[in-house]
């Protein structure tokens, strides 16, 4: 029975450990924190990609603006050479470059706004992670403290049970000792009365009876002697 109980306790202990791992809030909090950090890294990567596009647009705008100036210079040079036809073509190319600059600037404006939104989201995300980290550490500390209290309570409960078992054992031992003492006294009384034979006593029944008479006679004589002494003292 004791072996079965021990096996049951071991199984229950293993099950409790498994449930603790499954329901461990510390592990859940750490996992959530890791997911938030992964999310922040994704935001940073996306922001880096958008900033790269922003810089590329700025370079394209600068290139288109240089082309605008170059086409205007070409038109001026053509006019000086009395080549209005070439000047007109140069101005047409200039207008195309101006249009491209406008389109690029609009795209750049949208990208810039997106960059600012992403930077703001990154800052808010970072603040949220910092707050969550603080909350996580406080919660973990609180849980660990509560867990320690539970372990102490369980240990104290176990000690209490053990003490209770020891007390019960002592009580049973005392009861047994009292029973044995009472039995010994009863047997001695029966032996004294001759109801039970003492295995160590080799006397026969006649000898025992004679010894008993002598014992009773000695008691009677001793009683008479004491009475005479007391009577003599009271008379004097």
C-alpha atoms as a PDB file:
ATOM      1  CA  UNK A   1       0.000   0.000   0.000  1.00  0.00           C
ATOM      2  CA  UNK A   2       2.870   2.333   0.888  1.00  0.00           C
ATOM      3  CA  UNK A   3       4.559   1.598  -2.445  1.00  0.00           C
ATOM      4  CA  UNK A   4       1.362   2.392  -4.359  1.00  0.00           C
ATOM      5  CA  UNK A   5       0.954   5.664  -2.433  1.00  0.00           C
ATOM      6  CA  UNK A   6       4.548   6.624  -3.192  1.00  0.00           C
ATOM      7  CA  UNK A   7       4.078   5.857  -6.891  1.00  0.00           C
ATOM      8  CA  UNK A   8       0.923   7.976  -6.915  1.00  0.00           C
ATOM      9  CA  UNK A   9       2.756  10.878  -5.295  1.00  0.00           C
ATOM     10  CA  UNK A  10       5.522  10.662  -7.903  1.00  0.00           C
ATOM     11  CA  UNK A  11       3.014  10.696 -10.772  1.00  0.00           C
ATOM     12  CA  UNK A  12       1.153  13.649  -9.246  1.00  0.00           C
ATOM     13  CA  UNK A  13       4.444  15.502  -8.812  1.00  0.00           C
ATOM     14  CA  UNK A  14       5.359  14.975 -12.469  1.00  0.00           C
ATOM     15  CA  UNK A  15       1.913  16.118 -13.608  1.00  0.00           C
ATOM     16  CA  UNK A  16       2.135  19.248 -11.456  1.00  0.00           C
ATOM     17  CA  UNK A  17       5.560  20.066 -12.875  1.00  0.00           C
ATOM     18  CA  UNK A  18       4.195  19.669 -16.409  1.00  0.00           C
ATOM     19  CA  UNK A  19       1.233  21.941 -15.652  1.00  0.00           C
ATOM     20  CA  UNK A  20       3.575  24.496 -14.101  1.00  0.00           C
ATOM     21  CA  UNK A  21       5.611  24.571 -17.295  1.00  0.00           C
ATOM     22  CA  UNK A  22       2.514  24.848 -19.466  1.00  0.00           C
ATOM     23  CA  UNK A  23       0.905  27.565 -17.352  1.00  0.00           C
ATOM     24  CA  UNK A  24       4.114  29.334 -16.286  1.00  0.00           C
ATOM     25  CA  UNK A  25       3.335  33.072 -16.638  1.00  0.00           C
ATOM     26  CA  UNK A  26       7.057  33.848 -16.674  1.00  0.00           C
ATOM     27  CA  UNK A  27       7.514  31.854 -19.862  1.00  0.00           C
ATOM     28  CA  UNK A  28       4.393  33.442 -21.367  1.00  0.00           C
ATOM     29  CA  UNK A  29       5.615  36.955 -20.539  1.00  0.00           C
ATOM     30  CA  UNK A  30       9.071  36.253 -21.946  1.00  0.00           C
ATOM     31  CA  UNK A  31       7.530  34.877 -25.133  1.00  0.00           C
ATOM     32  CA  UNK A  32       5.311  37.953 -25.510  1.00  0.00           C
ATOM     33  CA  UNK A  33       8.330  40.200 -24.960  1.00  0.00           C
ATOM     34  CA  UNK A  34      10.315  38.340 -27.630  1.00  0.00           C
ATOM     35  CA  UNK A  35       7.409  38.688 -30.074  1.00  0.00           C
ATOM     36  CA  UNK A  36       7.256  42.428 -29.399  1.00  0.00           C
ATOM     37  CA  UNK A  37      10.993  42.741 -30.049  1.00  0.00           C
ATOM     38  CA  UNK A  38      10.557  40.826 -33.308  1.00  0.00           C
ATOM     39  CA  UNK A  39       7.744  43.201 -34.257  1.00  0.00           C
ATOM     40  CA  UNK A  40       9.974  46.197 -33.510  1.00  0.00           C
ATOM     41  CA  UNK A  41      12.710  44.779 -35.718  1.00  0.00           C
ATOM     42  CA  UNK A  42      10.211  44.389 -38.552  1.00  0.00           C
ATOM     43  CA  UNK A  43       9.169  48.032 -38.148  1.00  0.00           C
ATOM     44  CA  UNK A  44      12.827  49.085 -38.229  1.00  0.00           C
ATOM     45  CA  UNK A  45      13.488  47.055 -41.369  1.00  0.00           C
ATOM     46  CA  UNK A  46      10.421  48.497 -43.085  1.00  0.00           C
ATOM     47  CA  UNK A  47      11.467  51.992 -42.035  1.00  0.00           C
ATOM     48  CA  UNK A  48      14.959  51.393 -43.409  1.00  0.00           C
ATOM     49  CA  UNK A  49      13.484  50.269 -46.743  1.00  0.00           C
ATOM     50  CA  UNK A  50      11.260  53.352 -46.966  1.00  0.00           C
ATOM     51  CA  UNK A  51      14.124  55.695 -46.029  1.00  0.00           C
ATOM     52  CA  UNK A  52      16.200  54.049 -48.752  1.00  0.00           C
ATOM     53  CA  UNK A  53      13.423  54.811 -51.260  1.00  0.00           C
ATOM     54  CA  UNK A  54      13.268  58.372 -49.930  1.00  0.00           C
ATOM     55  CA  UNK A  55      16.994  58.877 -50.496  1.00  0.00           C
ATOM     56  CA  UNK A  56      16.755  57.361 -53.968  1.00  0.00           C
ATOM     57  CA  UNK A  57      13.957  59.814 -54.867  1.00  0.00           C
ATOM     58  CA  UNK A  58      16.029  62.720 -53.572  1.00  0.00           C
ATOM     59  CA  UNK A  59      18.880  61.668 -55.851  1.00  0.00           C
ATOM     60  CA  UNK A  60      16.488  61.378 -58.819  1.00  0.00           C
ATOM     61  CA  UNK A  61      15.066  64.858 -58.061  1.00  0.00           C
ATOM     62  CA  UNK A  62      18.553  66.336 -57.956  1.00  0.00           C
ATOM     63  CA  UNK A  63      19.382  64.647 -61.262  1.00  0.00           C
ATOM     64  CA  UNK A  64      16.161  65.922 -62.881  1.00  0.00           C
ATOM     65  CA  UNK A  65      16.797  69.466 -61.582  1.00  0.00           C
ATOM     66  CA  UNK A  66      20.291  69.406 -63.081  1.00  0.00           C
ATOM     67  CA  UNK A  67      18.796  68.299 -66.379  1.00  0.00           C
ATOM     68  CA  UNK A  68      16.351  71.238 -66.263  1.00  0.00           C
ATOM     69  CA  UNK A  69      19.274  73.644 -65.937  1.00  0.00           C
ATOM     70  CA  UNK A  70      21.269  71.873 -68.623  1.00  0.00           C
ATOM     71  CA  UNK A  71      18.368  71.953 -71.126  1.00  0.00           C
ATOM     72  CA  UNK A  72      17.866  75.649 -70.480  1.00  0.00           C
ATOM     73  CA  UNK A  73      21.557  76.292 -71.111  1.00  0.00           C
ATOM     74  CA  UNK A  74      21.313  74.292 -74.318  1.00  0.00           C
ATOM     75  CA  UNK A  75      18.330  76.383 -75.436  1.00  0.00           C
ATOM     76  CA  UNK A  76      20.247  79.594 -74.732  1.00  0.00           C
ATOM     77  CA  UNK A  77      23.236  78.346 -76.694  1.00  0.00           C
ATOM     78  CA  UNK A  78      21.022  77.365 -79.637  1.00  0.00           C
ATOM     79  CA  UNK A  79      19.387  80.794 -79.700  1.00  0.00           C
ATOM     80  CA  UNK A  80      22.776  82.460 -79.728  1.00  0.00           C
ATOM     81  CA  UNK A  81      23.574  80.352 -82.745  1.00  0.00           C
ATOM     82  CA  UNK A  82      20.282  81.368 -84.351  1.00  0.00           C
ATOM     83  CA  UNK A  83      19.039  77.793 -84.103  1.00  0.00           C
ATOM     84  CA  UNK A  84      15.547  78.218 -82.811  1.00  0.00           C
ATOM     85  CA  UNK A  85      14.684  74.718 -83.898  1.00  0.00           C
ATOM     86  CA  UNK A  86      17.356  73.276 -81.610  1.00  0.00           C
ATOM     87  CA  UNK A  87      16.371  75.718 -78.875  1.00  0.00           C
ATOM     88  CA  UNK A  88      12.765  74.507 -79.124  1.00  0.00           C
ATOM     89  CA  UNK A  89      13.831  70.870 -78.801  1.00  0.00           C
ATOM     90  CA  UNK A  90      15.998  71.750 -75.797  1.00  0.00           C
ATOM     91  CA  UNK A  91      13.088  73.536 -74.174  1.00  0.00           C
ATOM     92  CA  UNK A  92      10.806  70.545 -74.832  1.00  0.00           C
ATOM     93  CA  UNK A  93      13.291  68.304 -73.032  1.00  0.00           C
ATOM     94  CA  UNK A  94      13.496  70.886 -70.268  1.00  0.00           C
ATOM     95  CA  UNK A  95       9.705  70.719 -69.792  1.00  0.00           C
ATOM     96  CA  UNK A  96       9.847  66.941 -69.646  1.00  0.00           C
ATOM     97  CA  UNK A  97      12.519  67.216 -66.951  1.00  0.00           C
ATOM     98  CA  UNK A  98      10.440  69.817 -65.083  1.00  0.00           C
ATOM     99  CA  UNK A  99       7.437  67.464 -65.193  1.00  0.00           C
ATOM    100  CA  UNK A 100       9.607  64.621 -63.939  1.00  0.00           C
ATOM    101  CA  UNK A 101      10.867  66.807 -61.084  1.00  0.00           C
ATOM    102  CA  UNK A 102       7.274  67.595 -60.085  1.00  0.00           C
ATOM    103  CA  UNK A 103       6.265  63.930 -60.142  1.00  0.00           C
ATOM    104  CA  UNK A 104       9.335  62.925 -58.166  1.00  0.00           C
ATOM    105  CA  UNK A 105       8.726  65.660 -55.600  1.00  0.00           C
ATOM    106  CA  UNK A 106       5.147  64.477 -55.083  1.00  0.00           C
ATOM    107  CA  UNK A 107       6.370  60.929 -54.563  1.00  0.00           C
ATOM    108  CA  UNK A 108       9.074  62.215 -52.256  1.00  0.00           C
ATOM    109  CA  UNK A 109       6.475  64.099 -50.210  1.00  0.00           C
ATOM    110  CA  UNK A 110       4.381  60.958 -49.784  1.00  0.00           C
ATOM    111  CA  UNK A 111       7.440  58.911 -48.859  1.00  0.00           C
ATOM    112  CA  UNK A 112       8.557  61.575 -46.369  1.00  0.00           C
ATOM    113  CA  UNK A 113       5.149  61.516 -44.674  1.00  0.00           C
ATOM    114  CA  UNK A 114       5.303  57.725 -44.540  1.00  0.00           C
ATOM    115  CA  UNK A 115       8.781  57.892 -43.024  1.00  0.00           C
ATOM    116  CA  UNK A 116       7.540  60.244 -40.313  1.00  0.00           C
ATOM    117  CA  UNK A 117       4.598  57.958 -39.551  1.00  0.00           C
ATOM    118  CA  UNK A 118       6.898  54.967 -39.319  1.00  0.00           C
ATOM    119  CA  UNK A 119       9.323  56.850 -37.069  1.00  0.00           C
ATOM    120  CA  UNK A 120       6.432  57.846 -34.814  1.00  0.00           C
ATOM    121  CA  UNK A 121       5.174  54.245 -34.774  1.00  0.00           C
ATOM    122  CA  UNK A 122       8.680  53.054 -33.961  1.00  0.00           C
ATOM    123  CA  UNK A 123       8.943  55.463 -31.022  1.00  0.00           C
ATOM    124  CA  UNK A 124       5.538  54.446 -29.688  1.00  0.00           C
ATOM    125  CA  UNK A 125       6.353  50.772 -30.172  1.00  0.00           C
ATOM    126  CA  UNK A 126       9.651  51.250 -28.352  1.00  0.00           C
ATOM    127  CA  UNK A 127       7.891  53.011 -25.462  1.00  0.00           C
ATOM    128  CA  UNK A 128       5.313  50.246 -25.297  1.00  0.00           C
ATOM    129  CA  UNK A 129       8.046  47.613 -25.190  1.00  0.00           C
ATOM    130  CA  UNK A 130       9.852  49.481 -22.411  1.00  0.00           C
ATOM    131  CA  UNK A 131       6.644  49.696 -20.385  1.00  0.00           C
ATOM    132  CA  UNK A 132       5.882  46.041 -21.021  1.00  0.00           C
ATOM    133  CA  UNK A 133       9.404  45.066 -19.958  1.00  0.00           C
ATOM    134  CA  UNK A 134       8.940  46.894 -16.651  1.00  0.00           C
ATOM    135  CA  UNK A 135       5.532  45.298 -16.127  1.00  0.00           C
ATOM    136  CA  UNK A 136       6.957  41.912 -17.080  1.00  0.00           C
ATOM    137  CA  UNK A 137       9.765  42.113 -14.538  1.00  0.00           C
ATOM    138  CA  UNK A 138       7.401  43.262 -11.786  1.00  0.00           C
ATOM    139  CA  UNK A 139       4.930  40.488 -12.615  1.00  0.00           C
ATOM    140  CA  UNK A 140       7.670  37.866 -12.712  1.00  0.00           C
ATOM    141  CA  UNK A 141       9.016  39.036  -9.357  1.00  0.00           C
ATOM    142  CA  UNK A 142       5.516  38.959  -7.861  1.00  0.00           C
ATOM    143  CA  UNK A 143       4.862  35.495  -9.275  1.00  0.00           C
ATOM    144  CA  UNK A 144       8.207  34.184  -8.016  1.00  0.00           C
ATOM    145  CA  UNK A 145       7.488  35.556  -4.544  1.00  0.00           C
ATOM    146  CA  UNK A 146       4.008  34.010  -4.538  1.00  0.00           C
ATOM    147  CA  UNK A 147       5.447  30.748  -5.817  1.00  0.00           C
ATOM    148  CA  UNK A 148       7.988  30.761  -2.991  1.00  0.00           C
ATOM    149  CA  UNK A 149       5.207  31.351  -0.465  1.00  0.00           C
ATOM    150  CA  UNK A 150       3.270  28.419  -1.907  1.00  0.00           C
ATOM    151  CA  UNK A 151       6.333  26.177  -1.701  1.00  0.00           C
ATOM    152  CA  UNK A 152       6.916  27.237   1.912  1.00  0.00           C
ATOM    153  CA  UNK A 153       3.252  26.616   2.712  1.00  0.00           C
ATOM    154  CA  UNK A 154       3.407  23.190   1.112  1.00  0.00           C
ATOM    155  CA  UNK A 155       6.584  22.385   3.044  1.00  0.00           C
ATOM    156  CA  UNK A 156       5.036  23.534   6.312  1.00  0.00           C
ATOM    157  CA  UNK A 157       1.920  21.497   5.557  1.00  0.00           C
ATOM    158  CA  UNK A 158       4.068  18.444   4.922  1.00  0.00           C
ATOM    159  CA  UNK A 159       5.993  19.009   8.149  1.00  0.00           C
ATOM    160  CA  UNK A 160       2.701  19.401  10.006  1.00  0.00           C
ATOM    161  CA  UNK A 161       1.494  16.101   8.620  1.00  0.00           C
ATOM    162  CA  UNK A 162       4.742  14.409   9.615  1.00  0.00           C
ATOM    163  CA  UNK A 163       4.519  15.865  13.124  1.00  0.00           C
ATOM    164  CA  UNK A 164       0.919  14.679  13.324  1.00  0.00           C
ATOM    165  CA  UNK A 165       2.000  11.197  12.272  1.00  0.00           C
ATOM    166  CA  UNK A 166       4.775  11.166  14.883  1.00  0.00           C
ATOM    167  CA  UNK A 167       2.337  12.281  17.571  1.00  0.00           C
ATOM    168  CA  UNK A 168      -0.064   9.518  16.613  1.00  0.00           C
ATOM    169  CA  UNK A 169       2.764   6.975  16.739  1.00  0.00           C
ATOM    170  CA  UNK A 170       3.809   8.144  20.209  1.00  0.00           C
ATOM    171  CA  UNK A 171       0.205   7.972  21.411  1.00  0.00           C
ATOM    172  CA  UNK A 172      -0.181   4.421  20.136  1.00  0.00           C
ATOM    173  CA  UNK A 173       3.123   3.447  21.754  1.00  0.00           C
ATOM    174  CA  UNK A 174       2.002   4.879  25.098  1.00  0.00           C
ATOM    175  CA  UNK A 175      -1.325   3.057  24.852  1.00  0.00           C
ATOM    176  CA  UNK A 176       0.508  -0.168  24.070  1.00  0.00           C
ATOM    177  CA  UNK A 177       2.886   0.341  26.987  1.00  0.00           C
ATOM    178  CA  UNK A 178      -0.020   0.936  29.372  1.00  0.00           C
ATOM    179  CA  UNK A 179      -1.778  -2.174  28.088  1.00  0.00           C
ATOM    180  CA  UNK A 180       1.350  -4.275  28.562  1.00  0.00           C
ATOM    181  CA  UNK A 181       1.869  -2.852  32.063  1.00  0.00           C
ATOM    182  CA  UNK A 182      -1.730  -3.619  33.021  1.00  0.00           C
ATOM    183  CA  UNK A 183      -1.372  -7.127  31.622  1.00  0.00           C
ATOM    184  CA  UNK A 184       1.839  -7.690  33.548  1.00  0.00           C
ATOM    185  CA  UNK A 185       0.200  -6.526  36.777  1.00  0.00           C
ATOM    186  CA  UNK A 186      -2.805  -8.760  36.147  1.00  0.00           C
ATOM    187  CA  UNK A 187      -0.610 -11.775  35.508  1.00  0.00           C
ATOM    188  CA  UNK A 188       1.422 -11.056  38.632  1.00  0.00           C
ATOM    189  CA  UNK A 189      -1.785 -10.818  40.638  1.00  0.00           C
ATOM    190  CA  UNK A 190      -2.992 -14.124  39.228  1.00  0.00           C
ATOM    191  CA  UNK A 191       0.351 -15.715  40.018  1.00  0.00           C
ATOM    192  CA  UNK A 192       0.243 -14.364  43.544  1.00  0.00           C
ATOM    193  CA  UNK A 193      -3.234 -15.820  43.963  1.00  0.00           C
ATOM    194  CA  UNK A 194      -2.012 -19.138  42.629  1.00  0.00           C
ATOM    195  CA  UNK A 195      -4.325 -19.012  39.661  1.00  0.00           C
ATOM    196  CA  UNK A 196      -1.416 -18.947  37.241  1.00  0.00           C
ATOM    197  CA  UNK A 197       1.727 -20.973  37.686  1.00  0.00           C
ATOM    198  CA  UNK A 198       5.067 -19.223  37.545  1.00  0.00           C
ATOM    199  CA  UNK A 199       7.295 -21.130  35.132  1.00  0.00           C
ATOM    200  CA  UNK A 200      10.323 -20.226  37.253  1.00  0.00           C
ATOM    201  CA  UNK A 201       8.668 -21.460  40.472  1.00  0.00           C
ATOM    202  CA  UNK A 202       9.522 -25.154  41.138  1.00  0.00           C
ATOM    203  CA  UNK A 203       7.332 -25.460  44.260  1.00  0.00           C
ATOM    204  CA  UNK A 204       4.414 -27.881  44.255  1.00  0.00           C
ATOM    205  CA  UNK A 205       0.920 -26.854  45.295  1.00  0.00           C
ATOM    206  CA  UNK A 206       1.356 -28.064  48.901  1.00  0.00           C
ATOM    207  CA  UNK A 207       4.536 -26.103  49.360  1.00  0.00           C
ATOM    208  CA  UNK A 208       2.937 -23.036  47.879  1.00  0.00           C
ATOM    209  CA  UNK A 209       0.002 -23.339  50.281  1.00  0.00           C
ATOM    210  CA  UNK A 210       2.313 -23.740  53.286  1.00  0.00           C
ATOM    211  CA  UNK A 211       4.364 -20.752  52.199  1.00  0.00           C
ATOM    212  CA  UNK A 212       1.204 -18.728  51.871  1.00  0.00           C
ATOM    213  CA  UNK A 213       0.103 -19.704  55.409  1.00  0.00           C
ATOM    214  CA  UNK A 214       3.490 -18.693  56.786  1.00  0.00           C
ATOM    215  CA  UNK A 215       3.303 -15.417  54.910  1.00  0.00           C
ATOM    216  CA  UNK A 216      -0.184 -14.673  56.197  1.00  0.00           C
ATOM    217  CA  UNK A 217       0.888 -15.654  59.740  1.00  0.00           C
ATOM    218  CA  UNK A 218       3.902 -13.376  59.532  1.00  0.00           C
ATOM    219  CA  UNK A 219       1.687 -10.541  58.467  1.00  0.00           C
ATOM    220  CA  UNK A 220      -0.714 -11.207  61.381  1.00  0.00           C
ATOM    221  CA  UNK A 221       2.166 -11.331  63.873  1.00  0.00           C
ATOM    222  CA  UNK A 222       3.622  -8.123  62.487  1.00  0.00           C
ATOM    223  CA  UNK A 223       0.225  -6.457  62.727  1.00  0.00           C
ATOM    224  CA  UNK A 224      -0.164  -7.561  66.399  1.00  0.00           C
ATOM    225  CA  UNK A 225       3.318  -6.306  67.227  1.00  0.00           C
ATOM    226  CA  UNK A 226       2.628  -2.886  65.801  1.00  0.00           C
ATOM    227  CA  UNK A 227      -0.646  -2.658  67.722  1.00  0.00           C
ATOM    228  CA  UNK A 228       1.090  -3.542  71.013  1.00  0.00           C
ATOM    229  CA  UNK A 229       3.785  -0.929  70.404  1.00  0.00           C
ATOM    230  CA  UNK A 230       1.228   1.744  69.660  1.00  0.00           C
ATOM    231  CA  UNK A 231      -0.835   0.743  72.747  1.00  0.00           C
ATOM    232  CA  UNK A 232       2.238   0.899  74.956  1.00  0.00           C
ATOM    233  CA  UNK A 233       3.155   4.361  73.710  1.00  0.00           C
ATOM    234  CA  UNK A 234      -0.332   5.698  74.245  1.00  0.00           C
ATOM    235  CA  UNK A 235      -0.412   4.261  77.804  1.00  0.00           C
ATOM    236  CA  UNK A 236       2.831   5.894  78.788  1.00  0.00           C
END
